[in-house]
Amino acid sequence: MSLEEKLVDEMKQAMKSSNKLRLSTIRMIRSAIKNKEIEQRKKLDDEGIFRVIQGMVRKSEESIEQFKAGGRMDLVEKEQKEVETMKSFLPQPLSREEILRIIDQSIEETQASSLKDLGKVMKSVMPRLEGKADGKLINQLVKEKLSP
């Protein structure tokens, strides 16, 4: 079952169970996917849909921080529930050990030896970890590995 089909099924279930927050979040995801498809003039595959959802999660997490700073705990709670729903459609993130193993393989393959080689390593690592780990975390771990 494709991710698009899963979203439709989950939306139907949310309608049947009258789960309004989950329903509105899934509709928001599907709308963002449609907008991206229109922008790119092609149908998105599961990887493309993952990227759209990840972008939405990132924006929502930034919003949560701003709401906390503004003392709007009611909005923080709502946004956190939306993030949980969005994350339920993403693949399970890799553990730190798995990420480090892939980074070590890439460093070996690219024969990187210093921070100057950060770009080469990131270019090798990112396609392997796309959607499975946070880009900031990957960058931080690669820098730690390449630092003397």
Protein backbone atom coordinates (compact mmCIF):
# COMPACT_ATOMS: atom_id res chain seq x y z
CA MET A 1 0.00 0.00 0.00
CA SER A 2 1.43 3.37 -0.98
CA LEU A 3 1.65 6.23 1.47
CA GLU A 4 -1.00 8.14 -0.48
CA GLU A 5 -3.43 5.22 -0.07
CA LYS A 6 -2.56 4.95 3.63
CA LEU A 7 -3.35 8.64 4.10
CA VAL A 8 -6.74 8.22 2.42
CA ASP A 9 -7.55 5.16 4.56
CA GLU A 10 -6.49 6.93 7.76
CA MET A 11 -8.57 9.95 6.77
CA LYS A 12 -11.65 7.74 6.34
CA GLN A 13 -11.05 6.13 9.73
CA ALA A 14 -10.67 9.54 11.36
CA MET A 15 -13.99 10.60 9.80
CA LYS A 16 -15.74 7.47 11.08
CA SER A 17 -14.35 7.85 14.59
CA SER A 18 -15.03 11.63 14.63
CA ASN A 19 -11.39 12.35 15.48
CA LYS A 20 -11.44 15.97 14.30
CA LEU A 21 -7.82 16.84 15.09
CA ARG A 22 -6.44 13.77 13.27
CA LEU A 23 -8.79 14.39 10.35
CA SER A 24 -7.77 18.02 9.97
CA THR A 25 -4.06 17.10 10.23
CA ILE A 26 -4.37 14.42 7.53
CA ARG A 27 -6.27 16.84 5.31
CA MET A 28 -3.52 19.41 5.87
CA ILE A 29 -0.90 16.81 4.84
CA ARG A 30 -2.85 15.83 1.72
CA SER A 31 -3.27 19.50 0.80
CA ALA A 32 0.47 20.13 1.15
CA ILE A 33 1.15 17.07 -1.03
CA LYS A 34 -1.26 18.30 -3.71
CA ASN A 35 0.35 21.75 -3.65
CA LYS A 36 3.81 20.21 -4.08
CA GLU A 37 2.53 18.03 -6.96
CA ILE A 38 1.08 21.10 -8.67
CA GLU A 39 4.33 22.99 -8.11
CA GLN A 40 6.44 20.16 -9.55
CA ARG A 41 3.87 19.21 -12.20
CA LYS A 42 4.18 15.53 -11.37
CA LYS A 43 2.77 12.97 -8.94
CA LEU A 44 4.91 12.48 -5.83
CA ASP A 45 6.20 9.05 -4.89
CA ASP A 46 6.47 7.90 -1.27
CA GLU A 47 9.91 9.55 -0.88
CA GLY A 48 8.52 12.87 -2.09
CA ILE A 49 5.59 12.57 0.31
CA PHE A 50 8.00 11.80 3.17
CA ARG A 51 9.91 14.98 2.36
CA VAL A 52 6.70 17.04 2.39
CA ILE A 53 5.65 15.61 5.76
CA GLN A 54 9.15 16.12 7.20
CA GLY A 55 9.02 19.77 6.15
CA MET A 56 5.65 20.14 7.83
CA VAL A 57 6.97 18.52 11.03
CA ARG A 58 9.97 20.86 11.03
CA LYS A 59 7.74 23.94 10.63
CA SER A 60 5.38 22.74 13.35
CA GLU A 61 8.25 22.12 15.77
CA GLU A 62 9.47 25.68 15.12
CA SER A 63 5.94 26.93 15.78
CA ILE A 64 5.84 25.01 19.06
CA GLU A 65 8.99 26.80 20.21
CA GLN A 66 7.49 30.19 19.30
CA PHE A 67 4.20 29.37 21.04
CA LYS A 68 6.12 28.33 24.17
CA ALA A 69 8.05 31.60 24.09
CA GLY A 70 4.75 33.47 23.76
CA GLY A 71 3.13 31.53 26.60
CA ARG A 72 0.41 30.00 24.40
CA MET A 73 0.29 26.53 25.92
CA ASP A 74 -3.11 25.82 24.33
CA LEU A 75 -1.54 26.16 20.87
CA VAL A 76 1.55 24.20 21.95
CA GLU A 77 -0.62 21.22 22.92
CA LYS A 78 -2.61 21.31 19.66
CA GLU A 79 0.56 21.61 17.55
CA GLN A 80 2.23 18.72 19.42
CA LYS A 81 -0.74 16.45 18.68
CA GLU A 82 -0.55 17.43 15.01
CA VAL A 83 3.19 16.63 14.97
CA GLU A 84 2.50 13.19 16.50
CA THR A 85 -0.03 12.50 13.75
CA MET A 86 2.39 13.65 11.03
CA LYS A 87 5.23 11.55 12.46
CA SER A 88 2.99 8.47 12.42
CA PHE A 89 3.26 8.53 8.60
CA LEU A 90 7.06 8.79 8.56
CA PRO A 91 9.40 5.79 8.69
CA GLN A 92 10.96 5.02 12.06
CA PRO A 93 14.10 7.12 12.54
CA LEU A 94 17.40 5.27 12.74
CA SER A 95 19.22 4.95 16.04
CA ARG A 96 22.34 7.01 16.70
CA GLU A 97 24.49 3.87 16.33
CA GLU A 98 23.02 3.07 12.90
CA ILE A 99 23.56 6.65 11.74
CA LEU A 100 27.18 6.58 12.96
CA ARG A 101 27.79 3.28 11.13
CA ILE A 102 26.56 4.79 7.84
CA ILE A 103 28.64 7.93 8.43
CA ASP A 104 31.75 5.78 9.07
CA GLN A 105 31.12 3.89 5.81
CA SER A 106 30.80 7.15 3.89
CA ILE A 107 33.97 8.58 5.43
CA GLU A 108 35.81 5.42 4.41
CA GLU A 109 34.37 5.49 0.86
CA THR A 110 35.15 9.18 0.30
CA GLN A 111 38.51 8.89 2.07
CA ALA A 112 37.69 12.00 4.08
CA SER A 113 40.26 13.07 6.65
CA SER A 114 39.34 16.56 7.87
CA LEU A 115 36.53 19.08 8.13
CA LYS A 116 37.46 20.25 4.61
CA ASP A 117 35.87 17.03 3.36
CA LEU A 118 32.54 17.71 5.10
CA GLY A 119 30.78 18.40 1.79
CA LYS A 120 31.95 15.15 0.21
CA VAL A 121 30.83 13.09 3.18
CA MET A 122 27.45 14.85 3.46
CA LYS A 123 26.84 14.31 -0.26
CA SER A 124 27.50 10.60 0.25
CA VAL A 125 25.53 10.23 3.52
CA MET A 126 22.36 12.21 2.81
CA PRO A 127 20.88 9.97 0.08
CA ARG A 128 21.28 6.96 2.38
CA LEU A 129 19.70 8.64 5.39
CA GLU A 130 17.07 10.75 3.62
CA GLY A 131 13.89 10.58 5.67
CA LYS A 132 15.43 8.33 8.29
CA ALA A 133 17.36 10.90 10.31
CA ASP A 134 17.38 14.64 10.96
CA GLY A 135 19.76 16.57 8.71
CA LYS A 136 21.04 18.72 11.59
CA LEU A 137 21.92 15.64 13.63
CA ILE A 138 23.67 14.05 10.64
CA ASN A 139 25.70 17.22 10.02
CA GLN A 140 26.66 17.44 13.71
CA LEU A 141 27.76 13.78 13.82
CA VAL A 142 29.79 14.08 10.61
CA LYS A 143 31.55 17.18 11.99
CA GLU A 144 32.36 15.30 15.22
CA LYS A 145 33.80 12.39 13.23
CA LEU A 146 35.94 14.64 11.01
CA SER A 147 37.21 16.88 13.82
CA PRO A 148 40.70 16.08 15.09
